Structures are given as C-alpha cells and as structure tokens.
C-alpha cells in the first residue's frame, strides 16, 4: 500500500531504528514510546488489522508470535513485557496496518497509563 507509513518504515523508504527484520516482519522503535522499551512489530505484507486476517495468514501470524519473544530477549526484557494488538477505532488502532506493540522495562498497569 503506497501511502501506509508502516509499509514505508518496514521497506526502508522512511528511516527508522530497526531492531529486527526478516523476509516477513519488521520491528522498530515506536516514535511515541509509552514505556522505556516500546517496539512495533509489523508484517511486511500490508494487512490493515486483525479483522483483515485470512486463513492464508496463519503461518505469518505464528511467525510473528514466535519472533516477539526473540526480540524481547534481544531488548533485555527478561523481567516480562506486554504484547498488544489494537483493532479498530474503539480498540485505539491509529495506523491501519496490523502491528504488535511490545512494551517493557517498567511495571505495566491496567488500565495503561
């Protein structure tokens, strides 16, 4: 998708601090961090939200879930972390590209804040 900021970040059109990437996913630091460590993991394929997942995305999503723990270890999140996917307006999804927030290095409260 040509106007998607996360697509542009994932494919290198816009510079960012890339923490991890492979042929399927990119993981970079959030521009507005809500915790000392706040990363965004995105599929390189444009998928707007969880609601747009289809059976053919099964392997991709499994890959992303397994990469979260690897990235968390690389970032030293050995005391725990939070992985969050927001979906839709009421779910506070602000960018229409599926992404997983990985937050750590502080106690996570609920509600967040």
C-alpha atoms as a PDB file:
ATOM      1  CA  UNK A   1       0.000   0.000   0.000  1.00  0.00           C
ATOM      2  CA  UNK A   2       1.765   3.127  -1.235  1.00  0.00           C
ATOM      3  CA  UNK A   3       0.598   5.613   1.425  1.00  0.00           C
ATOM      4  CA  UNK A   4       0.959   3.387   4.522  1.00  0.00           C
ATOM      5  CA  UNK A   5       3.594   4.731   6.920  1.00  0.00           C
ATOM      6  CA  UNK A   6       4.275   1.277   8.398  1.00  0.00           C
ATOM      7  CA  UNK A   7       4.811  -0.183   4.914  1.00  0.00           C
ATOM      8  CA  UNK A   8       7.284   2.631   4.213  1.00  0.00           C
ATOM      9  CA  UNK A   9       9.097   2.064   7.511  1.00  0.00           C
ATOM     10  CA  UNK A  10       9.215  -1.709   7.011  1.00  0.00           C
ATOM     11  CA  UNK A  11      10.630  -1.492   3.482  1.00  0.00           C
ATOM     12  CA  UNK A  12      13.183   1.230   4.298  1.00  0.00           C
ATOM     13  CA  UNK A  13      11.554   4.144   2.454  1.00  0.00           C
ATOM     14  CA  UNK A  14      11.473   6.070   5.741  1.00  0.00           C
ATOM     15  CA  UNK A  15      14.482   5.754   8.075  1.00  0.00           C
ATOM     16  CA  UNK A  16      13.819   4.208  11.475  1.00  0.00           C
ATOM     17  CA  UNK A  17      15.718   2.415  14.211  1.00  0.00           C
ATOM     18  CA  UNK A  18      15.183  -1.158  13.074  1.00  0.00           C
ATOM     19  CA  UNK A  19      15.539  -3.657  15.925  1.00  0.00           C
ATOM     20  CA  UNK A  20      14.823  -6.799  13.895  1.00  0.00           C
ATOM     21  CA  UNK A  21      13.728  -7.736  10.408  1.00  0.00           C
ATOM     22  CA  UNK A  22      13.491 -10.740   8.170  1.00  0.00           C
ATOM     23  CA  UNK A  23      11.642 -11.538   4.957  1.00  0.00           C
ATOM     24  CA  UNK A  24       8.229 -11.467   6.711  1.00  0.00           C
ATOM     25  CA  UNK A  25       8.362  -8.884   9.502  1.00  0.00           C
ATOM     26  CA  UNK A  26       9.994  -5.671  10.630  1.00  0.00           C
ATOM     27  CA  UNK A  27      10.352  -4.492  14.218  1.00  0.00           C
ATOM     28  CA  UNK A  28      11.296  -0.923  15.065  1.00  0.00           C
ATOM     29  CA  UNK A  29      11.109   1.561  17.939  1.00  0.00           C
ATOM     30  CA  UNK A  30       7.845   3.433  18.416  1.00  0.00           C
ATOM     31  CA  UNK A  31       8.146   7.168  17.656  1.00  0.00           C
ATOM     32  CA  UNK A  32       5.961   7.978  20.711  1.00  0.00           C
ATOM     33  CA  UNK A  33       7.077   5.441  23.319  1.00  0.00           C
ATOM     34  CA  UNK A  34       4.719   4.620  26.178  1.00  0.00           C
ATOM     35  CA  UNK A  35       7.382   2.651  28.096  1.00  0.00           C
ATOM     36  CA  UNK A  36      11.201   2.649  28.271  1.00  0.00           C
ATOM     37  CA  UNK A  37      11.125  -0.070  25.609  1.00  0.00           C
ATOM     38  CA  UNK A  38       8.297   0.337  23.085  1.00  0.00           C
ATOM     39  CA  UNK A  39       8.648  -1.535  19.810  1.00  0.00           C
ATOM     40  CA  UNK A  40       6.285  -2.111  16.915  1.00  0.00           C
ATOM     41  CA  UNK A  41       6.372  -5.390  15.019  1.00  0.00           C
ATOM     42  CA  UNK A  42       4.648  -5.271  11.635  1.00  0.00           C
ATOM     43  CA  UNK A  43       4.199  -7.754   8.823  1.00  0.00           C
ATOM     44  CA  UNK A  44       5.935  -6.572   5.652  1.00  0.00           C
ATOM     45  CA  UNK A  45       2.772  -7.543   3.797  1.00  0.00           C
ATOM     46  CA  UNK A  46       0.113  -4.869   4.207  1.00  0.00           C
ATOM     47  CA  UNK A  47      -2.736  -6.199   6.356  1.00  0.00           C
ATOM     48  CA  UNK A  48      -4.930  -3.427   7.730  1.00  0.00           C
ATOM     49  CA  UNK A  49      -5.978  -5.036  11.037  1.00  0.00           C
ATOM     50  CA  UNK A  50      -6.756  -8.252  12.881  1.00  0.00           C
ATOM     51  CA  UNK A  51     -10.166  -8.131  11.229  1.00  0.00           C
ATOM     52  CA  UNK A  52      -8.474  -8.473   7.835  1.00  0.00           C
ATOM     53  CA  UNK A  53      -6.629 -11.688   8.644  1.00  0.00           C
ATOM     54  CA  UNK A  54      -7.473 -14.671   6.465  1.00  0.00           C
ATOM     55  CA  UNK A  55      -6.540 -18.366   6.643  1.00  0.00           C
ATOM     56  CA  UNK A  56      -3.534 -17.735   4.403  1.00  0.00           C
ATOM     57  CA  UNK A  57      -2.025 -15.507   7.143  1.00  0.00           C
ATOM     58  CA  UNK A  58      -1.827 -18.407   9.620  1.00  0.00           C
ATOM     59  CA  UNK A  59       1.913 -19.042   9.166  1.00  0.00           C
ATOM     60  CA  UNK A  60       2.741 -15.314   9.163  1.00  0.00           C
ATOM     61  CA  UNK A  61       0.974 -14.730  12.472  1.00  0.00           C
ATOM     62  CA  UNK A  62       2.635 -17.771  14.036  1.00  0.00           C
ATOM     63  CA  UNK A  63       5.979 -16.422  12.855  1.00  0.00           C
ATOM     64  CA  UNK A  64       5.252 -13.033  14.420  1.00  0.00           C
ATOM     65  CA  UNK A  65       4.242 -14.567  17.755  1.00  0.00           C
ATOM     66  CA  UNK A  66       7.479 -16.557  17.935  1.00  0.00           C
ATOM     67  CA  UNK A  67       9.595 -13.530  16.972  1.00  0.00           C
ATOM     68  CA  UNK A  68       8.127 -11.446  19.817  1.00  0.00           C
ATOM     69  CA  UNK A  69       9.968 -13.487  22.438  1.00  0.00           C
ATOM     70  CA  UNK A  70      13.212 -13.322  20.450  1.00  0.00           C
ATOM     71  CA  UNK A  71      13.004  -9.535  20.127  1.00  0.00           C
ATOM     72  CA  UNK A  72      12.085  -9.230  23.814  1.00  0.00           C
ATOM     73  CA  UNK A  73      15.212 -11.212  24.717  1.00  0.00           C
ATOM     74  CA  UNK A  74      17.365  -9.020  22.432  1.00  0.00           C
ATOM     75  CA  UNK A  75      15.997  -5.960  24.258  1.00  0.00           C
ATOM     76  CA  UNK A  76      16.719  -7.451  27.701  1.00  0.00           C
ATOM     77  CA  UNK A  77      13.059  -7.763  28.685  1.00  0.00           C
ATOM     78  CA  UNK A  78      13.871 -10.682  30.989  1.00  0.00           C
ATOM     79  CA  UNK A  79      11.501  -9.478  33.737  1.00  0.00           C
ATOM     80  CA  UNK A  80       8.461  -9.515  31.448  1.00  0.00           C
ATOM     81  CA  UNK A  81       6.811  -7.411  28.786  1.00  0.00           C
ATOM     82  CA  UNK A  82       3.437  -6.668  27.273  1.00  0.00           C
ATOM     83  CA  UNK A  83       2.453  -7.519  23.680  1.00  0.00           C
ATOM     84  CA  UNK A  84      -0.641  -5.669  22.464  1.00  0.00           C
ATOM     85  CA  UNK A  85      -2.623  -5.606  19.229  1.00  0.00           C
ATOM     86  CA  UNK A  86      -5.176  -2.811  18.894  1.00  0.00           C
ATOM     87  CA  UNK A  87      -8.006  -3.345  16.416  1.00  0.00           C
ATOM     88  CA  UNK A  88     -10.368  -0.709  15.051  1.00  0.00           C
ATOM     89  CA  UNK A  89     -11.410   2.699  16.295  1.00  0.00           C
ATOM     90  CA  UNK A  90     -12.731   1.556  19.686  1.00  0.00           C
ATOM     91  CA  UNK A  91      -9.594  -0.553  20.113  1.00  0.00           C
ATOM     92  CA  UNK A  92      -7.451   2.581  19.624  1.00  0.00           C
ATOM     93  CA  UNK A  93      -5.826   1.392  16.384  1.00  0.00           C
ATOM     94  CA  UNK A  94      -4.380   4.596  14.934  1.00  0.00           C
ATOM     95  CA  UNK A  95      -2.452   3.189  11.939  1.00  0.00           C
ATOM     96  CA  UNK A  96      -4.328   0.923   9.556  1.00  0.00           C
ATOM     97  CA  UNK A  97      -1.566  -1.684   9.301  1.00  0.00           C
ATOM     98  CA  UNK A  98      -1.589  -4.659  11.653  1.00  0.00           C
ATOM     99  CA  UNK A  99       1.070  -4.154  14.319  1.00  0.00           C
ATOM    100  CA  UNK A 100       2.036  -5.555  17.680  1.00  0.00           C
ATOM    101  CA  UNK A 101       3.220  -3.219  20.425  1.00  0.00           C
ATOM    102  CA  UNK A 102       5.978  -4.735  22.568  1.00  0.00           C
ATOM    103  CA  UNK A 103       6.389  -2.752  25.792  1.00  0.00           C
ATOM    104  CA  UNK A 104       8.751  -3.307  28.687  1.00  0.00           C
ATOM    105  CA  UNK A 105      11.265  -2.124  31.272  1.00  0.00           C
ATOM    106  CA  UNK A 106       8.544  -0.875  33.619  1.00  0.00           C
ATOM    107  CA  UNK A 107       5.616  -2.352  35.524  1.00  0.00           C
ATOM    108  CA  UNK A 108       2.615  -2.490  33.240  1.00  0.00           C
ATOM    109  CA  UNK A 109      -0.552  -1.224  34.916  1.00  0.00           C
ATOM    110  CA  UNK A 110      -4.146  -1.717  33.897  1.00  0.00           C
ATOM    111  CA  UNK A 111      -5.660   0.405  32.678  1.00  0.00           C
ATOM    112  CA  UNK A 112      -2.484   1.589  30.912  1.00  0.00           C
ATOM    113  CA  UNK A 113      -1.079   4.897  31.978  1.00  0.00           C
END
